[in-house]
Amino acid sequence: MANGRYKVEYAASALENLRSLPKREADQILRKVLRLEHGLHGNIKRLQNADAAFRLRMGDYRVLFDVIGDRIVIQKVGDRKDVYD
Protein backbone atom coordinates (compact mmCIF):
# COMPACT_ATOMS: atom_id res chain seq x y z
CA MET A 1 0.00 0.00 0.00
CA ALA A 2 1.01 3.59 -0.49
CA ASN A 3 3.10 5.43 2.06
CA GLY A 4 2.75 9.11 2.78
CA ARG A 5 0.75 11.73 4.61
CA TYR A 6 -3.00 11.89 4.23
CA LYS A 7 -5.74 14.11 5.57
CA VAL A 8 -8.68 12.08 6.89
CA GLU A 9 -12.18 13.38 6.22
CA TYR A 10 -15.54 11.87 7.15
CA ALA A 11 -18.63 11.78 4.96
CA ALA A 12 -21.90 12.62 6.74
CA SER A 13 -22.98 8.97 6.48
CA ALA A 14 -19.79 7.79 8.24
CA LEU A 15 -20.31 10.24 11.12
CA GLU A 16 -23.87 8.99 11.49
CA ASN A 17 -22.60 5.38 11.50
CA LEU A 18 -20.04 6.19 14.21
CA ARG A 19 -22.66 7.85 16.42
CA SER A 20 -24.78 4.69 16.30
CA LEU A 21 -21.94 2.44 17.51
CA PRO A 22 -21.15 1.72 21.17
CA LYS A 23 -18.70 4.35 22.48
CA ARG A 24 -15.89 1.88 23.11
CA GLU A 25 -15.97 0.50 19.56
CA ALA A 26 -16.34 3.97 18.03
CA ASP A 27 -13.27 5.20 19.97
CA GLN A 28 -11.21 2.22 18.83
CA ILE A 29 -12.23 2.78 15.22
CA LEU A 30 -11.37 6.49 15.40
CA ARG A 31 -7.89 5.68 16.76
CA LYS A 32 -7.29 3.18 13.97
CA VAL A 33 -8.52 5.61 11.31
CA LEU A 34 -6.15 8.30 12.62
CA ARG A 35 -3.23 5.95 11.89
CA LEU A 36 -4.19 6.16 8.20
CA GLU A 37 -2.86 9.74 8.18
CA HIS A 38 0.65 8.24 8.17
CA GLY A 39 0.00 5.84 5.30
CA LEU A 40 -2.22 3.01 4.22
CA HIS A 41 -1.10 0.50 6.82
CA GLY A 42 -3.14 -2.17 8.53
CA ASN A 43 -5.62 -4.75 7.37
CA ILE A 44 -6.64 -2.90 4.20
CA LYS A 45 -8.01 -4.40 1.01
CA ARG A 46 -8.98 -2.85 -2.30
CA LEU A 47 -12.64 -3.54 -2.99
CA GLN A 48 -14.21 -4.66 -6.26
CA ASN A 49 -17.73 -3.59 -7.27
CA ALA A 50 -18.33 -1.58 -4.09
CA ASP A 51 -19.31 1.99 -3.24
CA ALA A 52 -15.88 2.64 -1.72
CA ALA A 53 -12.44 1.74 -3.06
CA PHE A 54 -10.92 0.31 0.14
CA ARG A 55 -11.88 -1.30 3.42
CA LEU A 56 -10.09 -1.30 6.76
CA ARG A 57 -10.85 -4.26 9.02
CA MET A 58 -11.09 -3.88 12.77
CA GLY A 59 -12.51 -6.99 14.43
CA ASP A 60 -16.13 -7.36 13.33
CA TYR A 61 -16.22 -3.78 12.05
CA ARG A 62 -15.29 -2.38 8.66
CA VAL A 63 -14.37 1.14 7.59
CA LEU A 64 -15.04 1.79 3.90
CA PHE A 65 -13.06 4.65 2.39
CA ASP A 66 -11.77 6.27 -0.77
CA VAL A 67 -8.36 7.79 -1.42
CA ILE A 68 -8.55 11.01 -3.42
CA GLY A 69 -5.11 12.49 -3.92
CA ASP A 70 -3.74 13.19 -0.44
CA ARG A 71 -7.15 12.80 1.24
CA ILE A 72 -8.80 9.74 2.73
CA VAL A 73 -12.57 10.08 2.75
CA ILE A 74 -14.31 7.72 5.18
CA GLN A 75 -17.59 6.75 3.52
CA LYS A 76 -19.13 4.16 5.82
CA VAL A 77 -18.46 2.44 9.16
CA GLY A 78 -20.29 -0.59 10.47
CA ASP A 79 -20.54 -4.24 11.34
CA ARG A 80 -19.08 -6.51 8.68
CA LYS A 81 -22.43 -8.19 8.02
CA ASP A 82 -24.20 -4.88 7.28
CA VAL A 83 -21.65 -2.41 5.97
CA TYR A 84 -21.51 -3.65 2.38
CA ASP A 85 -25.27 -3.29 1.76
C-alpha atoms as a PDB file:
ATOM      1  CA  MET A   1       0.000   0.000   0.000  1.00  0.00           C
ATOM      2  CA  ALA A   2       1.012   3.591  -0.485  1.00  0.00           C
ATOM      3  CA  ASN A   3       3.096   5.434   2.063  1.00  0.00           C
ATOM      4  CA  GLY A   4       2.745   9.112   2.776  1.00  0.00           C
ATOM      5  CA  ARG A   5       0.749  11.734   4.611  1.00  0.00           C
ATOM      6  CA  TYR A   6      -3.005  11.891   4.230  1.00  0.00           C
ATOM      7  CA  LYS A   7      -5.741  14.108   5.570  1.00  0.00           C
ATOM      8  CA  VAL A   8      -8.679  12.085   6.892  1.00  0.00           C
ATOM      9  CA  GLU A   9     -12.185  13.383   6.220  1.00  0.00           C
ATOM     10  CA  TYR A  10     -15.543  11.871   7.151  1.00  0.00           C
ATOM     11  CA  ALA A  11     -18.634  11.783   4.958  1.00  0.00           C
ATOM     12  CA  ALA A  12     -21.904  12.618   6.738  1.00  0.00           C
ATOM     13  CA  SER A  13     -22.978   8.969   6.479  1.00  0.00           C
ATOM     14  CA  ALA A  14     -19.788   7.794   8.243  1.00  0.00           C
ATOM     15  CA  LEU A  15     -20.311  10.240  11.117  1.00  0.00           C
ATOM     16  CA  GLU A  16     -23.868   8.986  11.492  1.00  0.00           C
ATOM     17  CA  ASN A  17     -22.602   5.384  11.502  1.00  0.00           C
ATOM     18  CA  LEU A  18     -20.039   6.193  14.210  1.00  0.00           C
ATOM     19  CA  ARG A  19     -22.664   7.850  16.419  1.00  0.00           C
ATOM     20  CA  SER A  20     -24.779   4.693  16.295  1.00  0.00           C
ATOM     21  CA  LEU A  21     -21.936   2.441  17.512  1.00  0.00           C
ATOM     22  CA  PRO A  22     -21.149   1.721  21.173  1.00  0.00           C
ATOM     23  CA  LYS A  23     -18.700   4.353  22.480  1.00  0.00           C
ATOM     24  CA  ARG A  24     -15.886   1.881  23.112  1.00  0.00           C
ATOM     25  CA  GLU A  25     -15.970   0.504  19.564  1.00  0.00           C
ATOM     26  CA  ALA A  26     -16.337   3.967  18.031  1.00  0.00           C
ATOM     27  CA  ASP A  27     -13.275   5.204  19.971  1.00  0.00           C
ATOM     28  CA  GLN A  28     -11.208   2.221  18.826  1.00  0.00           C
ATOM     29  CA  ILE A  29     -12.230   2.777  15.215  1.00  0.00           C
ATOM     30  CA  LEU A  30     -11.372   6.486  15.401  1.00  0.00           C
ATOM     31  CA  ARG A  31      -7.894   5.682  16.760  1.00  0.00           C
ATOM     32  CA  LYS A  32      -7.295   3.177  13.974  1.00  0.00           C
ATOM     33  CA  VAL A  33      -8.520   5.606  11.313  1.00  0.00           C
ATOM     34  CA  LEU A  34      -6.150   8.297  12.622  1.00  0.00           C
ATOM     35  CA  ARG A  35      -3.233   5.955  11.889  1.00  0.00           C
ATOM     36  CA  LEU A  36      -4.185   6.156   8.200  1.00  0.00           C
ATOM     37  CA  GLU A  37      -2.865   9.738   8.183  1.00  0.00           C
ATOM     38  CA  HIS A  38       0.654   8.240   8.168  1.00  0.00           C
ATOM     39  CA  GLY A  39       0.003   5.838   5.301  1.00  0.00           C
ATOM     40  CA  LEU A  40      -2.224   3.007   4.224  1.00  0.00           C
ATOM     41  CA  HIS A  41      -1.102   0.503   6.818  1.00  0.00           C
ATOM     42  CA  GLY A  42      -3.141  -2.170   8.533  1.00  0.00           C
ATOM     43  CA  ASN A  43      -5.616  -4.746   7.365  1.00  0.00           C
ATOM     44  CA  ILE A  44      -6.645  -2.896   4.200  1.00  0.00           C
ATOM     45  CA  LYS A  45      -8.005  -4.405   1.006  1.00  0.00           C
ATOM     46  CA  ARG A  46      -8.978  -2.850  -2.300  1.00  0.00           C
ATOM     47  CA  LEU A  47     -12.643  -3.544  -2.987  1.00  0.00           C
ATOM     48  CA  GLN A  48     -14.207  -4.655  -6.262  1.00  0.00           C
ATOM     49  CA  ASN A  49     -17.733  -3.586  -7.267  1.00  0.00           C
ATOM     50  CA  ALA A  50     -18.334  -1.581  -4.090  1.00  0.00           C
ATOM     51  CA  ASP A  51     -19.308   1.994  -3.242  1.00  0.00           C
ATOM     52  CA  ALA A  52     -15.878   2.644  -1.722  1.00  0.00           C
ATOM     53  CA  ALA A  53     -12.444   1.738  -3.065  1.00  0.00           C
ATOM     54  CA  PHE A  54     -10.917   0.311   0.140  1.00  0.00           C
ATOM     55  CA  ARG A  55     -11.878  -1.303   3.418  1.00  0.00           C
ATOM     56  CA  LEU A  56     -10.090  -1.300   6.756  1.00  0.00           C
ATOM     57  CA  ARG A  57     -10.846  -4.263   9.020  1.00  0.00           C
ATOM     58  CA  MET A  58     -11.092  -3.881  12.774  1.00  0.00           C
ATOM     59  CA  GLY A  59     -12.512  -6.989  14.426  1.00  0.00           C
ATOM     60  CA  ASP A  60     -16.130  -7.356  13.333  1.00  0.00           C
ATOM     61  CA  TYR A  61     -16.223  -3.778  12.055  1.00  0.00           C
ATOM     62  CA  ARG A  62     -15.291  -2.383   8.657  1.00  0.00           C
ATOM     63  CA  VAL A  63     -14.370   1.140   7.590  1.00  0.00           C
ATOM     64  CA  LEU A  64     -15.037   1.793   3.900  1.00  0.00           C
ATOM     65  CA  PHE A  65     -13.063   4.651   2.389  1.00  0.00           C
ATOM     66  CA  ASP A  66     -11.772   6.269  -0.773  1.00  0.00           C
ATOM     67  CA  VAL A  67      -8.360   7.791  -1.417  1.00  0.00           C
ATOM     68  CA  ILE A  68      -8.547  11.008  -3.424  1.00  0.00           C
ATOM     69  CA  GLY A  69      -5.111  12.494  -3.917  1.00  0.00           C
ATOM     70  CA  ASP A  70      -3.742  13.186  -0.441  1.00  0.00           C
ATOM     71  CA  ARG A  71      -7.152  12.796   1.239  1.00  0.00           C
ATOM     72  CA  ILE A  72      -8.799   9.740   2.732  1.00  0.00           C
ATOM     73  CA  VAL A  73     -12.575  10.081   2.752  1.00  0.00           C
ATOM     74  CA  ILE A  74     -14.309   7.719   5.184  1.00  0.00           C
ATOM     75  CA  GLN A  75     -17.586   6.752   3.523  1.00  0.00           C
ATOM     76  CA  LYS A  76     -19.126   4.163   5.820  1.00  0.00           C
ATOM     77  CA  VAL A  77     -18.460   2.437   9.157  1.00  0.00           C
ATOM     78  CA  GLY A  78     -20.291  -0.590  10.470  1.00  0.00           C
ATOM     79  CA  ASP A  79     -20.541  -4.240  11.343  1.00  0.00           C
ATOM     80  CA  ARG A  80     -19.083  -6.509   8.681  1.00  0.00           C
ATOM     81  CA  LYS A  81     -22.430  -8.188   8.016  1.00  0.00           C
ATOM     82  CA  ASP A  82     -24.202  -4.879   7.283  1.00  0.00           C
ATOM     83  CA  VAL A  83     -21.654  -2.406   5.973  1.00  0.00           C
ATOM     84  CA  TYR A  84     -21.510  -3.650   2.382  1.00  0.00           C
ATOM     85  CA  ASP A  85     -25.271  -3.286   1.763  1.00  0.00           C
END
